[in-house]
Amino acid sequence: MVIKTVATNRKAYHNYHIQDSIEAGIALTGTEIKSIRTGRVSLGDAYVRPEAGELWLLNAYIARYEAGSYLSHEPMRSRKLLLHRKQIDNLTSKVQEKGFTLVPLRLYTKDSIAKVEVALARGKKLYDKRESIIRRETERETGRAIKRQKFKGR
């Protein structure tokens, strides 16, 4: 089984507390899967919305396939996510709770089939974001200091 990550949503880790994640298939057209395999995908502003008992991936950008004809796909179209009925019902009921949303974390190919990892997430407050930025900066500074000490010791 070969898994190749095509795109990750790094914004999601900054803006949300990730609770639970699940793997879902995506209903795609031929030119979309070809464009995904070339890696021309962005999940920056993407989100998942439950509608009429189905889950839809919105605002995911999959570039037009260059070798495709004028009948190629629309880059920002809504794409249906493929999950079992119980999984859809479970996620939909949790999204109904206050503060939960569904965000795509990464898009990858698994044995030539496109999959998306969807996470149940709760939005971070501004002070949580500041706290994570401060923590990341202190980790970087300590890493640099340790590196300098090792270099001086030689």
Protein backbone atom coordinates (compact mmCIF):
# COMPACT_ATOMS: atom_id res chain seq x y z
CA MET A 1 0.00 0.00 0.00
CA VAL A 2 1.58 3.24 -1.18
CA ILE A 3 0.40 6.49 0.43
CA LYS A 4 1.52 9.78 -1.10
CA THR A 5 0.45 13.00 0.61
CA VAL A 6 -0.55 15.57 -2.01
CA ALA A 7 -1.68 18.53 0.14
CA THR A 8 -1.92 19.36 3.83
CA ASN A 9 -4.01 22.00 5.53
CA ARG A 10 -1.51 23.59 7.91
CA LYS A 11 -3.96 26.43 8.65
CA ALA A 12 -6.31 23.93 10.29
CA TYR A 13 -3.77 23.06 12.99
CA HIS A 14 -3.32 26.76 13.75
CA ASN A 15 -7.01 27.71 13.77
CA TYR A 16 -8.58 24.62 15.39
CA HIS A 17 -8.20 22.11 18.20
CA ILE A 18 -8.34 18.78 16.35
CA GLN A 19 -10.54 16.24 18.14
CA ASP A 20 -11.03 13.22 15.88
CA SER A 21 -10.18 12.39 12.27
CA ILE A 22 -11.55 9.98 9.68
CA GLU A 23 -10.58 8.92 6.15
CA ALA A 24 -13.05 9.64 3.36
CA GLY A 25 -13.11 9.04 -0.37
CA ILE A 26 -13.89 11.82 -2.84
CA ALA A 27 -16.15 11.71 -5.90
CA LEU A 28 -13.94 13.17 -8.67
CA THR A 29 -13.92 13.54 -12.44
CA GLY A 30 -11.11 12.24 -14.64
CA THR A 31 -9.29 15.53 -15.03
CA GLU A 32 -9.46 16.18 -11.27
CA ILE A 33 -7.67 12.97 -10.33
CA LYS A 34 -5.00 13.67 -12.94
CA SER A 35 -4.48 17.14 -11.50
CA ILE A 36 -4.31 15.70 -7.96
CA ARG A 37 -1.63 13.23 -9.02
CA THR A 38 0.48 16.13 -10.33
CA GLY A 39 0.07 17.83 -6.92
CA ARG A 40 -1.79 20.97 -7.99
CA VAL A 41 -4.13 21.13 -4.97
CA SER A 42 -4.76 23.60 -2.13
CA LEU A 43 -6.80 22.96 1.02
CA GLY A 44 -6.08 26.35 2.62
CA ASP A 45 -9.65 27.64 2.90
CA ALA A 46 -11.43 24.31 2.50
CA TYR A 47 -14.10 23.02 4.86
CA VAL A 48 -16.68 20.23 4.98
CA ARG A 49 -20.41 20.85 5.26
CA PRO A 50 -23.17 18.29 5.84
CA GLU A 51 -26.11 18.79 3.46
CA ALA A 52 -29.11 16.49 2.95
CA GLY A 53 -27.47 13.47 4.58
CA GLU A 54 -24.21 13.86 2.64
CA LEU A 55 -20.86 15.50 3.33
CA TRP A 56 -19.50 18.01 0.82
CA LEU A 57 -15.96 19.35 0.50
CA LEU A 58 -16.14 23.08 -0.26
CA ASN A 59 -13.50 25.66 -1.27
CA ALA A 60 -10.87 23.02 -2.06
CA TYR A 61 -8.85 24.20 -5.06
CA ILE A 62 -7.90 21.55 -7.61
CA ALA A 63 -6.26 23.24 -10.59
CA ARG A 64 -7.44 22.53 -14.11
CA TYR A 65 -5.56 19.73 -15.82
CA GLU A 66 -3.31 21.32 -18.44
CA ALA A 67 -3.65 18.52 -20.98
CA GLY A 68 -7.44 18.44 -20.55
CA SER A 69 -9.87 19.90 -23.06
CA TYR A 70 -12.10 22.93 -22.66
CA LEU A 71 -14.58 20.61 -20.92
CA SER A 72 -12.26 20.33 -17.91
CA HIS A 73 -13.57 20.58 -14.33
CA GLU A 74 -14.30 23.76 -12.37
CA PRO A 75 -11.38 24.32 -9.90
CA MET A 76 -13.48 25.37 -6.87
CA ARG A 77 -16.53 23.13 -7.31
CA SER A 78 -18.15 21.24 -4.41
CA ARG A 79 -17.05 17.63 -4.14
CA LYS A 80 -19.00 14.85 -2.47
CA LEU A 81 -17.23 12.88 0.26
CA LEU A 82 -17.77 9.13 0.35
CA LEU A 83 -18.37 7.64 3.79
CA HIS A 84 -20.62 5.01 5.37
CA ARG A 85 -24.08 6.20 6.47
CA LYS A 86 -23.30 5.64 10.19
CA GLN A 87 -20.11 7.70 9.89
CA ILE A 88 -21.97 10.54 8.16
CA ASP A 89 -24.74 10.50 10.79
CA ASN A 90 -22.20 10.45 13.62
CA LEU A 91 -20.20 13.39 12.23
CA THR A 92 -23.36 15.37 11.38
CA SER A 93 -24.71 14.98 14.92
CA LYS A 94 -21.41 16.16 16.39
CA VAL A 95 -21.33 19.18 14.07
CA GLN A 96 -24.79 20.14 15.37
CA GLU A 97 -23.17 20.62 18.80
CA LYS A 98 -21.93 24.11 19.56
CA GLY A 99 -18.47 25.00 18.30
CA PHE A 100 -17.64 21.89 16.24
CA THR A 101 -16.81 21.98 12.54
CA LEU A 102 -15.40 19.60 9.95
CA VAL A 103 -12.09 20.52 8.29
CA PRO A 104 -9.96 18.59 5.81
CA LEU A 105 -6.46 17.98 7.18
CA ARG A 106 -4.75 16.40 4.19
CA LEU A 107 -5.43 15.05 0.74
CA TYR A 108 -3.49 11.98 -0.33
CA THR A 109 -3.50 9.11 -2.79
CA LYS A 110 -3.70 5.59 -1.43
CA ASP A 111 -2.99 2.98 -4.10
CA SER A 112 -3.99 5.47 -6.85
CA ILE A 113 -7.29 6.36 -5.09
CA ALA A 114 -7.70 9.91 -3.78
CA LYS A 115 -8.62 10.16 -0.10
CA VAL A 116 -9.09 13.08 2.27
CA GLU A 117 -8.56 13.06 6.03
CA VAL A 118 -11.45 14.94 7.63
CA ALA A 119 -11.23 16.07 11.25
CA LEU A 120 -13.80 17.08 13.79
CA ALA A 121 -12.43 20.32 15.20
CA ARG A 122 -13.28 23.09 17.63
CA GLY A 123 -12.20 26.65 16.84
CA LYS A 124 -9.35 28.19 18.82
CA LYS A 125 -9.73 31.48 20.58
CA LEU A 126 -7.25 34.28 19.89
CA TYR A 127 -5.39 33.69 23.16
CA ASP A 128 -4.98 29.98 22.28
CA LYS A 129 -3.40 30.95 18.98
CA ARG A 130 -1.03 33.36 20.73
CA GLU A 131 -0.13 30.68 23.25
CA SER A 132 0.75 28.16 20.53
CA ILE A 133 2.84 30.78 18.68
CA ILE A 134 4.77 31.59 21.88
CA ARG A 135 5.33 27.87 22.58
CA ARG A 136 6.63 27.30 19.04
CA GLU A 137 8.99 30.29 19.26
CA THR A 138 10.45 29.14 22.60
CA GLU A 139 11.02 25.63 21.19
CA ARG A 140 12.88 27.14 18.23
CA GLU A 141 15.03 29.33 20.47
CA THR A 142 15.96 26.44 22.76
CA GLY A 143 16.80 24.30 19.73
CA ARG A 144 19.07 27.05 18.39
CA ALA A 145 20.74 27.49 21.79
CA ILE A 146 21.44 23.76 22.06
CA LYS A 147 22.84 23.74 18.54
CA ARG A 148 25.12 26.71 19.36
CA GLN A 149 26.38 24.97 22.50
CA LYS A 150 27.21 21.81 20.55
CA PHE A 151 29.02 23.89 17.92
CA LYS A 152 31.04 25.83 20.57
CA GLY A 153 32.08 22.60 22.27
CA ARG A 154 33.99 21.38 19.21
